[in-house]
């Protein structure tokens, strides 16, 4: 009986020693896993932040280039001469294509007259033309009026749900204080598809009205063409801050 007690006591001591020997190893392993996870997460976050900052700067540069180019073009264009003088139109169209061909991301150009009738475009898409004609928001002839330019996202859900969203940049054409028409560029979301396709995580471009400007992100979009409220980290419209 005494021998059996001694054996049990030795077994308990052995188990206790094994436990106390393995416990630090297990704790160390858990700590290492947590550290590696934290380091890996930080690297992913840092890499994503760097990528997003780079793309944001590039996207802003592209938009700025189109906006500046359009302001220059609208300031030089004479819509009446464009419509009535073939030689003037030929020269103006050459300038338009020269500008488009110089851009890293190719867009399309549209010119409307004062009555919002299409005068010229490099891509005759009826849905886009109708949308632009309906929503050109200006009714002013004041060249210094803030309404002389407008940048907005084409709401494809209201016209053609299969169409890609597009970035529209328009400027009034004013000559001698009189409104002649509207000059603008349209940049489709798939213009960035090649670059965005090389990025591991989906990139969403969203304006202040929750409109999405990105190709192939329908799973993040509700039936109104807006960013889904379930997107992580996305503030709801009207949310503070």
Protein backbone atom coordinates (compact mmCIF):
# COMPACT_ATOMS: atom_id res chain seq x y z
CA UNK A 1 0.00 0.00 0.00
CA UNK A 2 2.81 2.34 0.97
CA UNK A 3 4.60 1.52 -2.26
CA UNK A 4 1.49 2.34 -4.31
CA UNK A 5 1.22 5.73 -2.59
CA UNK A 6 4.84 6.45 -3.36
CA UNK A 7 4.26 5.54 -7.04
CA UNK A 8 1.21 7.83 -7.28
CA UNK A 9 3.15 10.61 -5.59
CA UNK A 10 6.01 10.23 -8.08
CA UNK A 11 3.53 10.27 -10.99
CA UNK A 12 1.97 13.46 -9.69
CA UNK A 13 5.39 15.08 -9.32
CA UNK A 14 6.32 13.99 -12.85
CA UNK A 15 3.08 15.37 -14.27
CA UNK A 16 3.58 18.60 -12.37
CA UNK A 17 7.13 18.95 -13.66
CA UNK A 18 6.02 18.23 -17.23
CA UNK A 19 3.21 20.78 -16.94
CA UNK A 20 5.48 23.45 -15.50
CA UNK A 21 8.07 22.70 -18.17
CA UNK A 22 5.59 22.85 -21.06
CA UNK A 23 3.52 25.78 -19.81
CA UNK A 24 6.21 28.40 -20.54
CA UNK A 25 6.75 26.86 -23.97
CA UNK A 26 3.04 26.99 -24.72
CA UNK A 27 2.77 30.57 -23.45
CA UNK A 28 5.83 31.55 -25.48
CA UNK A 29 4.30 29.93 -28.57
CA UNK A 30 1.03 31.83 -28.09
CA UNK A 31 2.93 35.09 -27.57
CA UNK A 32 5.01 34.47 -30.69
CA UNK A 33 1.88 33.73 -32.72
CA UNK A 34 0.28 36.95 -31.48
CA UNK A 35 3.43 38.92 -32.26
CA UNK A 36 3.73 37.43 -35.75
CA UNK A 37 0.02 38.09 -36.38
CA UNK A 38 0.34 41.69 -35.19
CA UNK A 39 3.49 42.27 -37.24
CA UNK A 40 1.88 40.67 -40.31
CA UNK A 41 -1.26 42.76 -39.88
CA UNK A 42 0.79 45.94 -39.53
CA UNK A 43 2.73 45.08 -42.68
CA UNK A 44 -0.51 44.48 -44.59
CA UNK A 45 -2.01 47.74 -43.28
CA UNK A 46 1.18 49.66 -44.08
CA UNK A 47 1.37 48.15 -47.57
CA UNK A 48 -2.32 48.88 -48.21
CA UNK A 49 -1.99 52.45 -46.94
CA UNK A 50 1.04 53.07 -49.14
CA UNK A 51 -0.76 51.62 -52.16
CA UNK A 52 -3.90 53.67 -51.50
CA UNK A 53 -1.93 56.88 -51.02
CA UNK A 54 -0.08 56.26 -54.28
CA UNK A 55 -3.28 55.52 -56.18
CA UNK A 56 -5.05 58.49 -54.60
CA UNK A 57 -2.29 60.86 -55.71
CA UNK A 58 -2.29 59.34 -59.18
CA UNK A 59 -6.08 59.54 -59.49
CA UNK A 60 -6.11 63.16 -58.32
CA UNK A 61 -3.39 63.92 -60.85
CA UNK A 62 -5.43 62.35 -63.65
CA UNK A 63 -8.57 64.29 -62.72
CA UNK A 64 -6.62 67.54 -62.33
CA UNK A 65 -5.07 67.02 -65.77
CA UNK A 66 -8.49 66.56 -67.38
CA UNK A 67 -10.06 69.46 -65.46
CA UNK A 68 -7.21 71.83 -66.34
CA UNK A 69 -7.19 70.66 -69.96
CA UNK A 70 -10.93 71.15 -70.22
CA UNK A 71 -10.81 74.66 -68.76
CA UNK A 72 -8.15 75.60 -71.30
CA UNK A 73 -10.11 73.99 -74.13
CA UNK A 74 -13.41 75.61 -73.11
CA UNK A 75 -11.70 78.98 -72.90
CA UNK A 76 -10.36 78.69 -76.45
CA UNK A 77 -13.30 77.01 -78.20
CA UNK A 78 -15.84 78.88 -80.30
CA UNK A 79 -18.86 76.60 -80.63
CA UNK A 80 -20.44 78.62 -83.43
CA UNK A 81 -17.26 78.47 -85.52
CA UNK A 82 -16.93 74.77 -84.66
CA UNK A 83 -20.41 74.18 -86.11
CA UNK A 84 -20.06 76.46 -89.12
CA UNK A 85 -16.41 76.36 -90.26
CA UNK A 86 -15.02 72.94 -91.31
CA UNK A 87 -11.40 74.13 -91.17
CA UNK A 88 -11.85 75.44 -87.62
CA UNK A 89 -13.56 72.18 -86.59
CA UNK A 90 -10.73 70.08 -88.07
CA UNK A 91 -8.12 72.03 -86.13
CA UNK A 92 -10.14 71.89 -82.90
CA UNK A 93 -10.77 68.14 -83.22
CA UNK A 94 -7.03 67.59 -83.79
CA UNK A 95 -6.33 69.44 -80.54
CA UNK A 96 -8.90 67.31 -78.72
CA UNK A 97 -7.39 64.02 -79.91
CA UNK A 98 -3.88 65.30 -79.24
CA UNK A 99 -4.86 65.97 -75.64
CA UNK A 100 -6.59 62.60 -75.20
CA UNK A 101 -3.64 60.71 -76.67
CA UNK A 102 -1.29 62.44 -74.25
CA UNK A 103 -3.16 61.14 -71.20
CA UNK A 104 -2.10 58.04 -69.30
CA UNK A 105 -5.75 57.07 -68.88
CA UNK A 106 -7.79 57.64 -72.02
CA UNK A 107 -11.19 59.32 -71.69
CA UNK A 108 -13.74 60.67 -74.17
CA UNK A 109 -14.67 64.23 -75.11
CA UNK A 110 -18.15 65.73 -75.55
CA UNK A 111 -19.18 69.16 -76.82
CA UNK A 112 -22.76 70.45 -76.51
CA UNK A 113 -24.24 73.69 -77.78
CA UNK A 114 -26.26 76.18 -75.73
CA UNK A 115 -29.43 74.12 -76.19
CA UNK A 116 -27.59 71.02 -74.93
CA UNK A 117 -27.58 69.39 -78.35
CA UNK A 118 -24.54 67.25 -79.07
CA UNK A 119 -22.11 69.01 -81.41
CA UNK A 120 -19.18 66.57 -81.27
CA UNK A 121 -18.00 63.56 -79.29
CA UNK A 122 -15.30 60.93 -79.53
CA UNK A 123 -17.68 58.21 -78.32
CA UNK A 124 -21.34 58.30 -79.37
CA UNK A 125 -22.97 56.45 -76.49
CA UNK A 126 -26.63 57.43 -76.52
CA UNK A 127 -27.19 56.74 -72.81
CA UNK A 128 -24.28 58.88 -71.68
CA UNK A 129 -25.16 61.66 -74.13
CA UNK A 130 -28.76 61.70 -72.91
CA UNK A 131 -27.67 61.71 -69.29
CA UNK A 132 -25.23 64.58 -69.77
CA UNK A 133 -27.76 66.59 -71.76
CA UNK A 134 -30.39 66.17 -69.07
CA UNK A 135 -28.17 66.97 -66.12
CA UNK A 136 -25.95 69.81 -67.31
CA UNK A 137 -26.82 72.05 -64.37
CA UNK A 138 -25.97 75.56 -65.53
CA UNK A 139 -28.26 78.37 -66.55
CA UNK A 140 -25.77 81.19 -66.27
CA UNK A 141 -23.77 83.25 -68.74
CA UNK A 142 -21.49 84.73 -66.09
CA UNK A 143 -18.02 83.42 -66.88
CA UNK A 144 -16.92 83.98 -63.29
CA UNK A 145 -19.86 82.12 -61.80
CA UNK A 146 -18.94 79.06 -59.73
CA UNK A 147 -21.51 77.05 -61.68
CA UNK A 148 -19.35 77.30 -64.78
CA UNK A 149 -17.70 74.00 -63.97
CA UNK A 150 -19.07 70.74 -62.69
CA UNK A 151 -17.52 67.41 -61.79
CA UNK A 152 -19.74 64.47 -60.93
CA UNK A 153 -20.13 60.72 -61.26
CA UNK A 154 -22.36 59.30 -63.97
CA UNK A 155 -25.21 57.45 -62.25
CA UNK A 156 -25.33 54.38 -64.45
CA UNK A 157 -28.20 52.79 -62.48
CA UNK A 158 -30.64 55.48 -63.63
CA UNK A 159 -29.94 55.01 -67.34
CA UNK A 160 -28.35 51.65 -68.00
CA UNK A 161 -27.54 49.29 -65.15
CA UNK A 162 -25.04 47.46 -67.35
CA UNK A 163 -23.04 50.60 -68.09
CA UNK A 164 -19.88 51.39 -66.19
CA UNK A 165 -19.82 54.37 -63.85
CA UNK A 166 -17.95 57.34 -65.25
CA UNK A 167 -16.35 60.54 -64.01
CA UNK A 168 -17.76 63.59 -65.80
CA UNK A 169 -15.89 66.91 -65.96
CA UNK A 170 -17.70 69.72 -67.76
CA UNK A 171 -17.14 73.43 -68.26
CA UNK A 172 -19.28 76.12 -69.86
CA UNK A 173 -18.07 77.66 -73.11
CA UNK A 174 -18.62 81.42 -72.93
CA UNK A 175 -17.74 83.95 -75.65
CA UNK A 176 -18.16 87.71 -75.19
CA UNK A 177 -20.20 87.10 -72.05
CA UNK A 178 -22.63 84.80 -73.86
CA UNK A 179 -23.10 81.10 -73.21
CA UNK A 180 -22.27 79.05 -76.31
CA UNK A 181 -22.24 75.53 -74.97
CA UNK A 182 -20.64 72.95 -72.72
CA UNK A 183 -17.27 71.23 -73.06
CA UNK A 184 -16.36 68.15 -71.10
CA UNK A 185 -14.48 64.90 -70.66
CA UNK A 186 -15.86 61.54 -69.54
CA UNK A 187 -13.53 59.05 -67.87
CA UNK A 188 -14.94 55.55 -67.41
CA UNK A 189 -14.13 53.39 -64.43
CA UNK A 190 -12.49 50.71 -66.57
CA UNK A 191 -9.78 53.21 -67.55
CA UNK A 192 -8.11 52.18 -64.28
CA UNK A 193 -8.92 48.48 -64.63
CA UNK A 194 -5.44 47.37 -65.69
CA UNK A 195 -3.75 49.00 -62.71
CA UNK A 196 -6.43 48.04 -60.19
CA UNK A 197 -6.29 44.47 -61.46
CA UNK A 198 -2.74 44.20 -60.12
CA UNK A 199 -3.86 45.13 -56.60
CA UNK A 200 -4.60 42.26 -54.23
CA UNK A 201 -7.52 43.94 -52.43
CA UNK A 202 -10.42 45.73 -54.17
CA UNK A 203 -10.09 49.51 -54.27
CA UNK A 204 -13.27 51.56 -53.93
CA UNK A 205 -13.53 55.16 -55.08
CA UNK A 206 -16.54 56.79 -53.43
CA UNK A 207 -17.69 60.40 -53.64
CA UNK A 208 -19.45 62.39 -50.91
CA UNK A 209 -22.83 61.19 -52.18
CA UNK A 210 -21.80 57.54 -51.73
CA UNK A 211 -21.53 56.99 -55.49
CA UNK A 212 -19.06 54.30 -56.49
CA UNK A 213 -16.55 54.93 -59.24
CA UNK A 214 -14.86 51.56 -59.64
CA UNK A 215 -15.22 48.74 -62.14
CA UNK A 216 -16.33 45.30 -60.93
CA UNK A 217 -17.48 46.19 -57.41
CA UNK A 218 -21.20 45.42 -57.69
CA UNK A 219 -21.06 43.41 -54.46
CA UNK A 220 -20.33 46.65 -52.60
CA UNK A 221 -23.21 48.46 -54.29
CA UNK A 222 -26.88 48.70 -53.37
CA UNK A 223 -29.78 48.84 -55.83
CA UNK A 224 -29.47 52.64 -56.04
CA UNK A 225 -25.88 52.48 -57.24
CA UNK A 226 -24.51 53.70 -53.92
CA UNK A 227 -21.91 52.21 -51.62
CA UNK A 228 -23.40 49.55 -49.39
CA UNK A 229 -23.64 50.57 -45.74
CA UNK A 230 -21.95 47.29 -44.80
CA UNK A 231 -18.54 48.32 -46.13
CA UNK A 232 -16.12 48.14 -43.18
CA UNK A 233 -14.93 51.54 -42.01
CA UNK A 234 -17.34 53.43 -44.27
CA UNK A 235 -19.28 56.22 -42.56
CA UNK A 236 -22.97 56.49 -43.27
CA UNK A 237 -24.29 59.62 -45.00
CA UNK A 238 -24.83 62.33 -42.43
CA UNK A 239 -22.59 60.65 -39.85
CA UNK A 240 -20.55 63.08 -37.77
CA UNK A 241 -16.87 63.68 -38.44
